[in-house]
Amino acid sequence: MTETELLSPFDDAVIRGVAGTNGVDEELLRSALADHQRTMRENPGVEDLVYEWRKRFDEAVLHRTPETFFVAVRETVWEEYGAHLGLDDYLLAAVVAVHQEQVLREPAVDSDAIDADAVALVASRPGSQ
């Protein structure tokens, strides 16, 4: 799987904008986003993760397409990914910001439906490219 395939759920403008706003190197941000997508696909798999999140969190799935899940998880999920991927707090915050912004730009997602203690996460579905 190429980085381009892994980054397919994200608009280039969102990645570029978050990188610029947060003073994060765009290529480093793209690499971290791709690593996160790869990790979800490989361990334990996107479908299994979404199933687990649906059991753990109310209204976890905000929207789904054949290519992508848009979900709302707790901050602890992101903390676990940050630790697993070795991301510093600043880069992790930028990765989360890309996910948040992408979900807010998805017209099929009602942003008012996102619980106040939830954080957005976008997961591309394997085989969707």
C-alpha atoms as a PDB file:
ATOM      1  CA  MET A   1       0.000   0.000   0.000  1.00  0.00           C
ATOM      2  CA  THR A   2       1.371   3.318  -1.039  1.00  0.00           C
ATOM      3  CA  GLU A   3       1.273   6.543   0.921  1.00  0.00           C
ATOM      4  CA  THR A   4      -1.076   7.959  -1.713  1.00  0.00           C
ATOM      5  CA  GLU A   5      -3.539   5.094  -1.119  1.00  0.00           C
ATOM      6  CA  LEU A   6      -3.273   5.476   2.646  1.00  0.00           C
ATOM      7  CA  LEU A   7      -3.905   9.221   2.462  1.00  0.00           C
ATOM      8  CA  SER A   8      -6.855   8.927   0.065  1.00  0.00           C
ATOM      9  CA  PRO A   9      -9.494   9.907   2.688  1.00  0.00           C
ATOM     10  CA  PHE A  10      -7.807  13.271   3.273  1.00  0.00           C
ATOM     11  CA  ASP A  11      -7.972  16.374   1.109  1.00  0.00           C
ATOM     12  CA  ASP A  12      -4.530  17.750   0.276  1.00  0.00           C
ATOM     13  CA  ALA A  13      -5.768  21.209   1.263  1.00  0.00           C
ATOM     14  CA  VAL A  14      -6.634  19.937   4.752  1.00  0.00           C
ATOM     15  CA  ILE A  15      -3.205  18.389   5.261  1.00  0.00           C
ATOM     16  CA  ARG A  16      -1.454  21.467   3.883  1.00  0.00           C
ATOM     17  CA  GLY A  17      -3.596  23.820   5.963  1.00  0.00           C
ATOM     18  CA  VAL A  18      -3.068  21.947   9.232  1.00  0.00           C
ATOM     19  CA  ALA A  19       0.674  21.692   8.589  1.00  0.00           C
ATOM     20  CA  GLY A  20       0.911  25.431   7.917  1.00  0.00           C
ATOM     21  CA  THR A  21      -1.297  26.487  10.805  1.00  0.00           C
ATOM     22  CA  ASN A  22       0.593  24.299  13.266  1.00  0.00           C
ATOM     23  CA  GLY A  23       4.099  24.861  11.927  1.00  0.00           C
ATOM     24  CA  VAL A  24       4.565  21.146  11.239  1.00  0.00           C
ATOM     25  CA  ASP A  25       6.579  19.887   8.286  1.00  0.00           C
ATOM     26  CA  GLU A  26       3.998  18.757   5.720  1.00  0.00           C
ATOM     27  CA  GLU A  27       5.932  15.642   4.673  1.00  0.00           C
ATOM     28  CA  LEU A  28       6.356  14.610   8.313  1.00  0.00           C
ATOM     29  CA  LEU A  29       2.621  15.064   8.843  1.00  0.00           C
ATOM     30  CA  ARG A  30       1.791  13.053   5.717  1.00  0.00           C
ATOM     31  CA  SER A  31       4.110  10.280   6.878  1.00  0.00           C
ATOM     32  CA  ALA A  32       2.491  10.197  10.339  1.00  0.00           C
ATOM     33  CA  LEU A  33      -1.001  10.105   8.795  1.00  0.00           C
ATOM     34  CA  ALA A  34       0.017   7.239   6.498  1.00  0.00           C
ATOM     35  CA  ASP A  35       1.622   5.329   9.385  1.00  0.00           C
ATOM     36  CA  HIS A  36      -1.588   5.680  11.377  1.00  0.00           C
ATOM     37  CA  GLN A  37      -3.754   4.408   8.500  1.00  0.00           C
ATOM     38  CA  ARG A  38      -1.346   1.504   7.915  1.00  0.00           C
ATOM     39  CA  THR A  39      -1.415   0.599  11.620  1.00  0.00           C
ATOM     40  CA  MET A  40      -5.213   0.523  11.694  1.00  0.00           C
ATOM     41  CA  ARG A  41      -5.287  -1.725   8.625  1.00  0.00           C
ATOM     42  CA  GLU A  42      -2.651  -4.123   9.903  1.00  0.00           C
ATOM     43  CA  ASN A  43      -3.491  -4.382  13.592  1.00  0.00           C
ATOM     44  CA  PRO A  44      -6.175  -5.629  14.018  1.00  0.00           C
ATOM     45  CA  GLY A  45      -7.859  -4.270  10.890  1.00  0.00           C
ATOM     46  CA  VAL A  46     -10.198  -1.367  10.187  1.00  0.00           C
ATOM     47  CA  GLU A  47     -13.421  -3.387  10.276  1.00  0.00           C
ATOM     48  CA  ASP A  48     -12.440  -4.976  13.616  1.00  0.00           C
ATOM     49  CA  LEU A  49     -11.480  -1.614  15.110  1.00  0.00           C
ATOM     50  CA  VAL A  50     -14.737  -0.004  14.096  1.00  0.00           C
ATOM     51  CA  TYR A  51     -16.652  -2.960  15.518  1.00  0.00           C
ATOM     52  CA  GLU A  52     -14.784  -2.540  18.828  1.00  0.00           C
ATOM     53  CA  TRP A  53     -15.386   1.220  18.914  1.00  0.00           C
ATOM     54  CA  ARG A  54     -19.089   0.721  18.219  1.00  0.00           C
ATOM     55  CA  LYS A  55     -19.274  -1.527  21.281  1.00  0.00           C
ATOM     56  CA  ARG A  56     -17.258   0.848  23.504  1.00  0.00           C
ATOM     57  CA  PHE A  57     -18.587   4.269  22.487  1.00  0.00           C
ATOM     58  CA  ASP A  58     -22.090   5.595  21.900  1.00  0.00           C
ATOM     59  CA  GLU A  59     -22.741   6.764  18.349  1.00  0.00           C
ATOM     60  CA  ALA A  60     -19.167   5.935  17.300  1.00  0.00           C
ATOM     61  CA  VAL A  61     -19.864   5.677  13.562  1.00  0.00           C
ATOM     62  CA  LEU A  62     -20.745   9.109  12.239  1.00  0.00           C
ATOM     63  CA  HIS A  63     -20.858   8.067   8.579  1.00  0.00           C
ATOM     64  CA  ARG A  64     -19.514   5.351   6.356  1.00  0.00           C
ATOM     65  CA  THR A  65     -18.898   4.994   2.673  1.00  0.00           C
ATOM     66  CA  PRO A  66     -17.529   1.997   0.782  1.00  0.00           C
ATOM     67  CA  GLU A  67     -14.105   3.687   1.069  1.00  0.00           C
ATOM     68  CA  THR A  68     -14.090   5.318   4.505  1.00  0.00           C
ATOM     69  CA  PHE A  69     -15.364   5.248   8.070  1.00  0.00           C
ATOM     70  CA  PHE A  70     -15.893   8.547   9.883  1.00  0.00           C
ATOM     71  CA  VAL A  71     -15.975   7.782  13.596  1.00  0.00           C
ATOM     72  CA  ALA A  72     -15.922   9.486  16.979  1.00  0.00           C
ATOM     73  CA  VAL A  73     -13.658   7.980  19.633  1.00  0.00           C
ATOM     74  CA  ARG A  74     -12.353   9.056  23.013  1.00  0.00           C
ATOM     75  CA  GLU A  75      -9.094  10.939  23.384  1.00  0.00           C
ATOM     76  CA  THR A  76      -7.513   7.836  24.919  1.00  0.00           C
ATOM     77  CA  VAL A  77      -7.672   6.099  21.534  1.00  0.00           C
ATOM     78  CA  TRP A  78      -5.545   8.853  20.047  1.00  0.00           C
ATOM     79  CA  GLU A  79      -3.155   8.766  23.016  1.00  0.00           C
ATOM     80  CA  GLU A  80      -2.640   5.034  22.411  1.00  0.00           C
ATOM     81  CA  TYR A  81      -1.925   5.617  18.728  1.00  0.00           C
ATOM     82  CA  GLY A  82       0.487   8.428  19.544  1.00  0.00           C
ATOM     83  CA  ALA A  83       2.415   6.206  21.944  1.00  0.00           C
ATOM     84  CA  HIS A  84       2.384   3.233  19.545  1.00  0.00           C
ATOM     85  CA  LEU A  85       3.630   5.329  16.624  1.00  0.00           C
ATOM     86  CA  GLY A  86       6.152   7.274  18.709  1.00  0.00           C
ATOM     87  CA  LEU A  87       4.605  10.641  17.869  1.00  0.00           C
ATOM     88  CA  ASP A  88       5.449  13.616  20.034  1.00  0.00           C
ATOM     89  CA  ASP A  89       2.500  15.574  21.419  1.00  0.00           C
ATOM     90  CA  TYR A  90       2.834  18.309  18.803  1.00  0.00           C
ATOM     91  CA  LEU A  91       2.807  15.958  15.801  1.00  0.00           C
ATOM     92  CA  LEU A  92       0.001  13.885  17.322  1.00  0.00           C
ATOM     93  CA  ALA A  93      -2.068  17.051  17.766  1.00  0.00           C
ATOM     94  CA  ALA A  94      -1.542  17.881  14.074  1.00  0.00           C
ATOM     95  CA  VAL A  95      -2.565  14.358  13.019  1.00  0.00           C
ATOM     96  CA  VAL A  96      -5.727  14.620  15.123  1.00  0.00           C
ATOM     97  CA  ALA A  97      -6.430  18.080  13.676  1.00  0.00           C
ATOM     98  CA  VAL A  98      -6.329  16.669  10.130  1.00  0.00           C
ATOM     99  CA  HIS A  99      -8.855  13.998  11.108  1.00  0.00           C
ATOM    100  CA  GLN A 100     -11.077  16.541  12.871  1.00  0.00           C
ATOM    101  CA  GLU A 101     -11.023  18.947   9.936  1.00  0.00           C
ATOM    102  CA  GLN A 102     -11.690  16.196   7.400  1.00  0.00           C
ATOM    103  CA  VAL A 103     -14.732  15.019   9.368  1.00  0.00           C
ATOM    104  CA  LEU A 104     -16.034  18.584   9.657  1.00  0.00           C
ATOM    105  CA  ARG A 105     -15.742  18.947   5.872  1.00  0.00           C
ATOM    106  CA  GLU A 106     -17.689  15.756   5.204  1.00  0.00           C
ATOM    107  CA  PRO A 107     -21.187  16.983   4.225  1.00  0.00           C
ATOM    108  CA  ALA A 108     -22.830  13.715   5.308  1.00  0.00           C
ATOM    109  CA  VAL A 109     -21.605  14.145   8.900  1.00  0.00           C
ATOM    110  CA  ASP A 110     -23.681  16.267  11.257  1.00  0.00           C
ATOM    111  CA  SER A 111     -20.965  17.879  13.364  1.00  0.00           C
ATOM    112  CA  ASP A 112     -23.543  18.678  16.061  1.00  0.00           C
ATOM    113  CA  ALA A 113     -23.963  14.924  16.543  1.00  0.00           C
ATOM    114  CA  ILE A 114     -20.368  14.534  17.700  1.00  0.00           C
ATOM    115  CA  ASP A 115     -20.326  14.094  21.455  1.00  0.00           C
ATOM    116  CA  ALA A 116     -18.453  16.801  23.380  1.00  0.00           C
ATOM    117  CA  ASP A 117     -15.969  14.293  24.785  1.00  0.00           C
ATOM    118  CA  ALA A 118     -15.365  12.574  21.444  1.00  0.00           C
ATOM    119  CA  VAL A 119     -12.589  13.104  18.926  1.00  0.00           C
ATOM    120  CA  ALA A 120     -12.971  12.437  15.216  1.00  0.00           C
ATOM    121  CA  LEU A 121     -11.083   9.724  13.402  1.00  0.00           C
ATOM    122  CA  VAL A 122     -11.115   8.866   9.697  1.00  0.00           C
ATOM    123  CA  ALA A 123     -10.276   5.307   8.684  1.00  0.00           C
ATOM    124  CA  SER A 124      -9.874   4.217   5.093  1.00  0.00           C
ATOM    125  CA  ARG A 125     -11.256   0.796   4.320  1.00  0.00           C
ATOM    126  CA  PRO A 126      -8.826  -1.705   2.778  1.00  0.00           C
ATOM    127  CA  GLY A 127      -9.571  -2.679  -0.764  1.00  0.00           C
ATOM    128  CA  SER A 128     -11.398   0.590  -1.342  1.00  0.00           C
ATOM    129  CA  GLN A 129      -8.810   2.061  -3.699  1.00  0.00           C
END
